[in-house]
Amino acid sequence: MSLPAPAAPPRPAYRDVNVLRWLTAYTASVTGDVVYFLALSWAATRVAGPSQVGLVVAAGALPRAVLMLGGGVVADRFGPRRVAVVSDAVRCAVILVTAGAVVAAAPGVWLLIAVALVFGAVDAVFMPAVGALPPRITEPAQLARVQGMRGLSIRLGNATGPLLAGALLVSGGTAGAFAASGALFAVSLVLLLTVRTCEPPGPAPLPRASARRELGDGLRYLRRHRLLAPLVVVTGLSEMCFSGPVATGLVLLADERGWGAPGMGWIAGAFSVGAAAAALLLTAAPRIPRAGLAMAGALLVTAVGAVALGHAASLPGAVAFGALIGMSSGFTTTVTGALVQTETDPRYLGRVTSVTTLCTLGLAPALFPAVGITVHLWGAGAFFTGCGAVCLLAAVLALSTPVLRRAGLRPPGR
């Protein structure tokens, strides 16, 4: 009697054509976001001067933060793929129309504010939807790899976007930069249309209810979940300083120490290289043993590195510490993202993703004034010490929560 042949091991995510299509779409979207943001800021500077740039940027950040949780409800109700496709199409149309309006007439500050408001509102729907797609395009065992690939995508977009925007603003002006951003969103849209999705195994779909009730149900599900509730808090604390405010802190640190713009560039570049190295390592790694404990250890390393960076006496030392915290914080971001997608009931994934996205990106603008005030009163070292204290608090919470400390990345049912 012959034994059945053993099941073939799952294809690694980096060899899955379907995952690669999603990843390419995501990379085009991230790059388009960067080009759009820089074109918008440049146009605001030209139209109304530097004093109005903050107003235009805030106009885009406000609806994204306010509507993010509602975007998660929309993604869960209509399906993340459908919502991602529709919202990406709207973003593409808005930016291409803006490019045409800039060609037809010089843009006024109120036009730029209107564009920022609309784009921010649509972004609040797109981000939870595209973030909820990985469990529908790959197996649970591959989610850590997908999150690592997503980290590489973000770093690539953030590195190439400014270079592309600068070249386009010189050669084609603001209209050319907006048109290129719209074209990148069009590429993202076409690729998203080719991505195949399937519903993850799980309970039957929930009955329809009002949007308010569905949002409340999602928040209650998150609050009552033994693992996700503390994990979201740890995610918010770990990303609080590193989703935007730390960039401002680096500028002020380099100015305070006399390293100038080149010094700031070296530190920021080292941070990006470290984060990319962590993402590449997790993309290639077959598994992450004791993921919860490893995440807590990475948070401790980030805390120490942030304090050391703020008190570095030389530029080479600051560059080294920048690379260290880039690697450790990149590792944490990848692991927390994979844990969220592995542990969340697929019926609630859009809403849970919207909460984590709000914690990491939506609330960052509120922290920017605190950076300047802290550095003005106590120096850049105090700001980075504060960042280290926040990361230490996140590590202590992770270590003191048994279910989080013992969390692992493995397919459900094993």
Protein backbone atom coordinates (compact mmCIF):
# COMPACT_ATOMS: atom_id res chain seq x y z
CA MET A 1 0.00 0.00 0.00
CA SER A 2 1.58 3.26 -1.09
CA LEU A 3 1.53 6.29 1.13
CA PRO A 4 0.13 9.56 -0.20
CA ALA A 5 2.72 11.99 -1.46
CA PRO A 6 3.53 14.74 1.04
CA ALA A 7 1.94 18.10 0.32
CA ALA A 8 4.17 20.49 -1.60
CA PRO A 9 5.52 23.33 0.53
CA PRO A 10 3.84 26.68 -0.12
CA ARG A 11 5.46 28.89 -2.73
CA PRO A 12 7.49 31.72 -1.12
CA ALA A 13 5.74 35.06 -1.46
CA TYR A 14 8.64 36.56 -3.39
CA ARG A 15 8.09 33.94 -6.11
CA ASP A 16 4.30 34.33 -6.26
CA VAL A 17 3.34 36.31 -9.37
CA ASN A 18 0.06 37.39 -7.80
CA VAL A 19 1.84 38.80 -4.74
CA LEU A 20 4.40 40.50 -6.95
CA ARG A 21 1.63 42.22 -8.92
CA TRP A 22 0.15 43.54 -5.67
CA LEU A 23 3.61 44.62 -4.52
CA THR A 24 4.32 46.47 -7.77
CA ALA A 25 0.96 48.22 -7.53
CA TYR A 26 1.72 49.20 -3.95
CA THR A 27 5.18 50.51 -4.93
CA ALA A 28 3.69 52.63 -7.71
CA SER A 29 1.11 53.97 -5.27
CA VAL A 30 3.71 54.87 -2.61
CA THR A 31 5.90 56.60 -5.22
CA GLY A 32 2.88 58.46 -6.58
CA ASP A 33 2.02 59.59 -3.04
CA VAL A 34 5.51 61.03 -2.56
CA VAL A 35 5.47 62.84 -5.92
CA TYR A 36 1.97 64.22 -5.22
CA PHE A 37 2.91 65.47 -1.77
CA LEU A 38 6.05 67.23 -2.98
CA ALA A 39 4.23 68.75 -5.98
CA LEU A 40 1.47 70.01 -3.69
CA SER A 41 3.96 71.53 -1.25
CA TRP A 42 5.95 73.11 -4.10
CA ALA A 43 2.81 74.60 -5.63
CA ALA A 44 1.71 75.99 -2.26
CA THR A 45 5.12 77.58 -1.77
CA ARG A 46 4.98 79.22 -5.20
CA VAL A 47 1.40 80.44 -4.82
CA ALA A 48 1.24 81.62 -1.21
CA GLY A 49 4.74 81.34 0.24
CA PRO A 50 6.17 79.04 2.92
CA SER A 51 3.68 80.25 5.54
CA GLN A 52 0.78 78.55 3.70
CA VAL A 53 2.45 75.19 3.08
CA GLY A 54 1.51 73.97 6.54
CA LEU A 55 -2.13 74.93 5.94
CA VAL A 56 -2.29 72.99 2.67
CA VAL A 57 -0.58 69.90 4.15
CA ALA A 58 -2.84 69.98 7.21
CA ALA A 59 -5.87 70.15 4.91
CA GLY A 60 -4.89 66.74 3.56
CA ALA A 61 -3.94 65.20 6.89
CA LEU A 62 -7.14 66.19 8.70
CA PRO A 63 -9.72 64.22 6.65
CA ARG A 64 -7.39 61.24 6.47
CA ALA A 65 -7.22 61.09 10.28
CA VAL A 66 -10.92 61.81 10.82
CA LEU A 67 -12.24 59.37 8.20
CA MET A 68 -9.71 56.55 8.59
CA LEU A 69 -11.91 54.41 10.85
CA GLY A 70 -14.84 54.84 8.48
CA GLY A 71 -12.57 53.71 5.66
CA GLY A 72 -12.03 50.43 7.50
CA VAL A 73 -15.80 49.92 7.72
CA VAL A 74 -16.11 50.49 3.96
CA ALA A 75 -13.30 47.99 3.24
CA ASP A 76 -14.94 45.28 5.36
CA ARG A 77 -18.43 45.90 3.97
CA PHE A 78 -17.62 45.93 0.24
CA GLY A 79 -14.36 43.93 0.19
CA PRO A 80 -10.82 45.36 0.28
CA ARG A 81 -10.01 44.67 -3.38
CA ARG A 82 -13.09 46.44 -4.72
CA VAL A 83 -12.60 49.40 -2.38
CA ALA A 84 -8.88 49.65 -3.21
CA VAL A 85 -9.61 49.65 -6.96
CA VAL A 86 -12.35 52.28 -6.76
CA SER A 87 -10.46 54.59 -4.42
CA ASP A 88 -7.28 54.26 -6.50
CA ALA A 89 -9.29 55.23 -9.59
CA VAL A 90 -10.66 58.29 -7.80
CA ARG A 91 -7.17 59.33 -6.67
CA CYS A 92 -5.90 58.98 -10.23
CA ALA A 93 -8.76 61.07 -11.63
CA VAL A 94 -8.39 63.80 -9.00
CA ILE A 95 -4.67 64.25 -9.61
CA LEU A 96 -4.95 64.18 -13.41
CA VAL A 97 -7.75 66.78 -13.30
CA THR A 98 -5.54 68.88 -11.01
CA ALA A 99 -2.70 68.65 -13.53
CA GLY A 100 -5.04 69.87 -16.24
CA ALA A 101 -6.29 72.73 -14.05
CA VAL A 102 -2.71 73.82 -13.34
CA VAL A 103 -1.99 73.88 -17.09
CA ALA A 104 -5.12 75.92 -17.79
CA ALA A 105 -4.54 78.55 -15.10
CA ALA A 106 -2.24 79.37 -12.23
CA PRO A 107 -3.50 77.45 -9.16
CA GLY A 108 -4.78 79.41 -6.18
CA VAL A 109 -4.25 78.34 -2.59
CA TRP A 110 -7.93 77.42 -2.25
CA LEU A 111 -7.68 75.02 -5.21
CA LEU A 112 -4.71 73.33 -3.56
CA ILE A 113 -6.60 73.08 -0.26
CA ALA A 114 -9.59 71.55 -2.04
CA VAL A 115 -7.35 68.99 -3.77
CA ALA A 116 -5.67 68.13 -0.47
CA LEU A 117 -9.05 67.69 1.26
CA VAL A 118 -10.42 65.37 -1.43
CA PHE A 119 -7.21 63.36 -1.73
CA GLY A 120 -6.97 62.97 2.06
CA ALA A 121 -10.57 61.75 2.26
CA VAL A 122 -10.04 59.17 -0.50
CA ASP A 123 -6.73 58.11 1.06
CA ALA A 124 -8.60 57.34 4.28
CA VAL A 125 -10.53 54.68 2.35
CA PHE A 126 -7.67 53.41 0.17
CA MET A 127 -5.13 52.77 2.94
CA PRO A 128 -7.19 50.33 5.08
CA ALA A 129 -8.35 48.52 1.93
CA VAL A 130 -4.91 47.98 0.41
CA GLY A 131 -3.51 47.05 3.84
CA ALA A 132 -6.20 44.36 4.27
CA LEU A 133 -5.36 42.62 0.97
CA PRO A 134 -2.34 40.42 1.92
CA PRO A 135 -4.34 37.66 3.72
CA ARG A 136 -6.47 37.38 0.57
CA ILE A 137 -3.55 36.99 -1.85
CA THR A 138 -1.21 34.69 0.07
CA GLU A 139 -1.17 31.99 2.74
CA PRO A 140 -0.92 32.81 6.46
CA ALA A 141 2.58 31.33 6.60
CA GLN A 142 3.75 33.92 4.06
CA LEU A 143 2.37 37.04 5.75
CA ALA A 144 5.65 37.94 7.47
CA ARG A 145 7.43 37.76 4.11
CA VAL A 146 4.74 39.91 2.50
CA GLN A 147 5.13 42.51 5.24
CA GLY A 148 8.89 42.49 4.68
CA MET A 149 8.33 42.99 0.95
CA ARG A 150 5.92 45.81 1.74
CA GLY A 151 8.62 47.45 3.87
CA LEU A 152 11.04 47.26 0.95
CA SER A 153 8.36 48.77 -1.29
CA ILE A 154 7.90 51.72 1.05
CA ARG A 155 11.64 52.37 1.23
CA LEU A 156 11.96 52.17 -2.56
CA GLY A 157 9.08 54.59 -3.06
CA ASN A 158 10.41 57.01 -0.46
CA ALA A 159 13.86 56.92 -2.08
CA THR A 160 12.86 57.30 -5.73
CA GLY A 161 9.84 59.58 -5.23
CA PRO A 162 11.78 62.73 -4.23
CA LEU A 163 14.29 62.22 -7.07
CA LEU A 164 11.50 61.80 -9.60
CA ALA A 165 9.55 64.76 -8.21
CA GLY A 166 12.62 67.01 -8.33
CA ALA A 167 13.38 66.13 -11.93
CA LEU A 168 9.76 66.61 -12.98
CA LEU A 169 9.39 69.95 -11.20
CA VAL A 170 12.46 71.22 -13.06
CA SER A 171 11.49 69.87 -16.48
CA GLY A 172 7.69 69.96 -16.45
CA GLY A 173 6.75 72.23 -13.59
CA THR A 174 3.97 71.55 -11.10
CA ALA A 175 1.62 70.30 -13.82
CA GLY A 176 4.18 67.75 -14.99
CA ALA A 177 4.72 66.47 -11.43
CA PHE A 178 0.97 66.13 -10.85
CA ALA A 179 0.57 64.34 -14.19
CA ALA A 180 3.35 61.88 -13.33
CA SER A 181 1.75 61.21 -9.94
CA GLY A 182 -1.57 60.52 -11.66
CA ALA A 183 0.18 58.20 -14.11
CA LEU A 184 1.71 56.23 -11.22
CA PHE A 185 -1.73 55.87 -9.67
CA ALA A 186 -2.99 54.65 -13.05
CA VAL A 187 -0.25 51.98 -13.11
CA SER A 188 -1.23 50.97 -9.59
CA LEU A 189 -4.89 50.76 -10.64
CA VAL A 190 -4.20 48.56 -13.68
CA LEU A 191 -2.09 46.16 -11.63
CA LEU A 192 -4.66 45.98 -8.82
CA LEU A 193 -7.25 44.94 -11.41
CA THR A 194 -5.10 41.90 -12.26
CA VAL A 195 -4.58 40.77 -8.65
CA ARG A 196 -6.52 37.61 -7.79
CA THR A 197 -8.06 37.39 -4.32
CA CYS A 198 -9.88 34.73 -2.36
CA GLU A 199 -11.70 34.83 0.94
CA PRO A 200 -9.59 33.43 3.82
CA PRO A 201 -11.14 30.44 5.62
CA GLY A 202 -13.27 31.50 8.55
CA PRO A 203 -16.81 32.10 9.80
CA ALA A 204 -19.65 33.19 7.55
CA PRO A 205 -19.92 36.90 6.65
CA LEU A 206 -21.54 39.12 9.23
CA PRO A 207 -25.05 40.46 8.59
CA ARG A 208 -25.25 44.01 7.25
CA ALA A 209 -25.82 46.80 9.77
CA SER A 210 -25.47 50.56 9.83
CA ALA A 211 -22.00 51.99 9.31
CA ARG A 212 -22.00 53.33 12.88
CA ARG A 213 -22.88 49.94 14.32
CA GLU A 214 -20.30 48.14 12.18
CA LEU A 215 -17.63 50.59 13.38
CA GLY A 216 -18.68 49.98 16.98
CA ASP A 217 -18.62 46.21 16.43
CA GLY A 218 -15.09 46.45 15.02
CA LEU A 219 -13.83 48.53 17.92
CA ARG A 220 -15.44 46.15 20.44
CA TYR A 221 -13.89 43.17 18.66
CA LEU A 222 -10.49 44.82 18.88
CA ARG A 223 -10.90 45.84 22.52
CA ARG A 224 -11.94 42.34 23.62
CA HIS A 225 -9.28 40.44 21.67
CA ARG A 226 -6.65 39.15 24.09
CA LEU A 227 -3.76 39.61 21.64
CA LEU A 228 -4.83 42.38 19.29
CA ALA A 229 -5.78 44.90 21.99
CA PRO A 230 -2.30 45.14 23.55
CA LEU A 231 -0.66 44.67 20.13
CA VAL A 232 -2.36 47.78 18.73
CA VAL A 233 -1.19 49.79 21.75
CA VAL A 234 2.38 48.51 21.26
CA THR A 235 2.17 49.34 17.54
CA GLY A 236 0.99 52.88 18.24
CA LEU A 237 3.73 53.49 20.80
CA SER A 238 6.47 51.98 18.62
CA GLU A 239 5.47 54.08 15.59
CA MET A 240 4.66 57.30 17.45
CA CYS A 241 8.08 58.85 16.90
CA PHE A 242 9.11 57.05 13.73
CA SER A 243 6.21 57.73 11.35
CA GLY A 244 7.17 61.35 10.76
CA PRO A 245 8.30 63.31 13.83
CA VAL A 246 11.76 61.70 13.90
CA ALA A 247 12.51 63.23 10.47
CA THR A 248 11.98 66.69 11.93
CA GLY A 249 14.05 65.69 14.93
CA LEU A 250 16.93 64.69 12.65
CA VAL A 251 16.86 68.10 10.96
CA LEU A 252 17.00 69.88 14.32
CA LEU A 253 19.68 67.52 15.66
CA ALA A 254 21.95 68.11 12.66
CA ASP A 255 21.44 71.88 12.94
CA GLU A 256 22.15 71.87 16.67
CA ARG A 257 25.39 69.87 16.29
CA GLY A 258 26.59 71.85 13.27
CA TRP A 259 26.46 68.87 10.89
CA GLY A 260 24.28 70.76 8.41
CA ALA A 261 22.08 69.34 5.70
CA PRO A 262 24.68 66.76 4.53
CA GLY A 263 24.89 65.35 8.05
CA MET A 264 21.12 65.12 8.28
CA GLY A 265 21.09 63.36 4.91
CA TRP A 266 23.66 60.81 6.03
CA ILE A 267 21.72 59.95 9.19
CA ALA A 268 18.38 59.73 7.38
CA GLY A 269 19.98 57.62 4.65
CA ALA A 270 21.46 55.25 7.24
CA PHE A 271 18.05 54.94 8.88
CA SER A 272 16.47 54.00 5.53
CA VAL A 273 19.25 51.51 4.73
CA GLY A 274 18.82 49.85 8.12
CA ALA A 275 15.05 49.59 7.69
CA ALA A 276 15.48 48.18 4.17
CA ALA A 277 17.99 45.61 5.46
CA ALA A 278 15.49 44.46 8.10
CA ALA A 279 12.73 44.18 5.49
CA LEU A 280 15.01 42.22 3.15
CA LEU A 281 16.04 39.86 5.96
CA LEU A 282 12.41 39.15 6.89
CA THR A 283 11.48 38.68 3.23
CA ALA A 284 14.09 35.94 2.87
CA ALA A 285 13.62 34.34 6.31
CA PRO A 286 11.47 31.18 6.23
CA ARG A 287 10.02 31.93 9.66
CA ILE A 288 10.39 34.17 12.71
CA PRO A 289 10.71 32.07 15.87
CA ARG A 290 9.02 33.54 18.95
CA ALA A 291 7.89 36.61 17.06
CA GLY A 292 6.40 38.39 20.10
CA LEU A 293 9.57 38.08 22.15
CA ALA A 294 11.72 39.10 19.17
CA MET A 295 9.52 42.17 18.67
CA ALA A 296 10.00 43.18 22.32
CA GLY A 297 13.77 42.75 21.98
CA ALA A 298 13.79 44.94 18.85
CA LEU A 299 11.88 47.63 20.76
CA LEU A 300 14.52 47.59 23.49
CA VAL A 301 17.24 48.01 20.87
CA THR A 302 15.30 50.91 19.31
CA ALA A 303 14.96 52.59 22.72
CA VAL A 304 18.70 52.38 23.41
CA GLY A 305 19.58 53.48 19.86
CA ALA A 306 17.27 56.51 19.98
CA VAL A 307 18.80 57.78 23.23
CA ALA A 308 22.31 57.15 21.91
CA LEU A 309 21.51 58.99 18.67
CA GLY A 310 20.29 62.05 20.56
CA HIS A 311 23.55 62.20 22.54
CA ALA A 312 25.98 61.21 19.77
CA ALA A 313 29.05 63.46 19.84
CA SER A 314 30.18 62.79 16.26
CA LEU A 315 28.50 62.40 12.90
CA PRO A 316 29.86 58.85 12.24
CA GLY A 317 28.43 57.73 15.57
CA ALA A 318 25.08 59.30 14.78
CA VAL A 319 25.04 57.58 11.37
CA ALA A 320 25.73 54.21 13.02
CA PHE A 321 22.95 54.69 15.57
CA GLY A 322 20.60 55.84 12.79
CA ALA A 323 21.23 52.57 10.93
CA LEU A 324 20.67 50.60 14.15
CA ILE A 325 17.30 52.14 14.97
CA GLY A 326 16.27 51.91 11.31
CA MET A 327 16.90 48.16 11.38
CA SER A 328 15.26 47.52 14.74
CA SER A 329 12.22 49.71 14.10
CA GLY A 330 11.84 48.19 10.62
CA PHE A 331 11.86 44.72 12.18
CA THR A 332 9.19 45.79 14.68
CA THR A 333 6.95 47.28 12.00
CA THR A 334 7.11 44.12 9.89
CA VAL A 335 6.42 41.75 12.79
CA THR A 336 3.54 43.79 14.24
CA GLY A 337 1.94 44.04 10.79
CA ALA A 338 2.22 40.29 10.22
CA LEU A 339 0.80 39.52 13.68
CA VAL A 340 -2.17 41.80 13.09
CA GLN A 341 -3.00 40.14 9.77
CA THR A 342 -2.45 36.62 11.09
CA GLU A 343 -4.56 37.01 14.23
CA THR A 344 -7.44 39.17 12.97
CA ASP A 345 -10.74 37.62 11.89
CA PRO A 346 -10.92 38.43 8.13
CA ARG A 347 -14.39 39.93 8.64
CA TYR A 348 -12.86 42.69 10.79
CA LEU A 349 -9.49 43.13 9.07
CA GLY A 350 -10.34 46.41 7.33
CA ARG A 351 -11.45 48.01 10.59
CA VAL A 352 -8.46 46.71 12.55
CA THR A 353 -6.12 47.87 9.78
CA SER A 354 -7.72 51.32 9.89
CA VAL A 355 -7.02 51.56 13.63
CA THR A 356 -3.37 50.56 13.25
CA THR A 357 -2.93 52.90 10.28
CA LEU A 358 -4.49 55.73 12.26
CA CYS A 359 -2.06 55.04 15.11
CA THR A 360 0.98 55.01 12.81
CA LEU A 361 0.17 57.72 10.26
CA GLY A 362 -3.03 59.59 10.96
CA LEU A 363 -2.00 61.04 14.33
CA ALA A 364 1.60 61.92 13.40
CA PRO A 365 0.81 65.54 12.36
CA ALA A 366 -0.37 66.28 15.92
CA LEU A 367 3.12 65.47 17.21
CA PHE A 368 5.08 67.80 14.92
CA PRO A 369 4.59 70.91 17.11
CA ALA A 370 5.81 68.95 20.15
CA VAL A 371 9.10 68.21 18.36
CA GLY A 372 9.93 71.88 17.85
CA ILE A 373 8.87 72.87 21.37
CA THR A 374 10.91 70.08 22.99
CA VAL A 375 14.05 70.87 21.01
CA HIS A 376 13.65 74.60 21.63
CA LEU A 377 13.32 74.17 25.39
CA TRP A 378 15.63 71.24 26.16
CA GLY A 379 17.59 70.40 23.00
CA ALA A 380 17.48 67.60 20.43
CA GLY A 381 18.92 65.12 22.91
CA ALA A 382 15.81 65.47 25.07
CA PHE A 383 13.54 64.75 22.11
CA PHE A 384 15.36 61.54 21.20
CA THR A 385 15.48 60.53 24.87
CA GLY A 386 11.70 60.93 24.88
CA CYS A 387 11.47 58.72 21.80
CA GLY A 388 13.56 56.12 23.57
CA ALA A 389 11.30 56.29 26.63
CA VAL A 390 8.21 55.71 24.47
CA CYS A 391 9.84 52.69 22.79
CA LEU A 392 10.89 51.37 26.21
CA LEU A 393 7.29 51.67 27.38
CA ALA A 394 6.17 49.67 24.33
CA ALA A 395 8.79 46.98 25.07
CA VAL A 396 7.73 46.74 28.72
CA LEU A 397 4.09 46.36 27.68
CA ALA A 398 5.00 43.62 25.21
CA LEU A 399 7.08 41.73 27.77
CA SER A 400 4.52 42.09 30.56
CA THR A 401 1.61 40.77 28.46
CA PRO A 402 1.97 36.96 28.39
CA VAL A 403 -0.16 36.37 25.29
CA LEU A 404 1.83 38.99 23.38
CA ARG A 405 5.18 37.79 24.67
CA ARG A 406 4.39 34.23 23.54
CA ALA A 407 2.86 35.25 20.19
CA GLY A 408 4.14 33.44 17.14
CA LEU A 409 3.68 33.67 13.39
CA ARG A 410 2.14 30.43 12.21
CA PRO A 411 -0.84 29.43 10.09
CA PRO A 412 -4.13 29.09 11.98
CA GLY A 413 -4.87 25.55 13.08
CA ARG A 414 -1.26 24.50 13.58
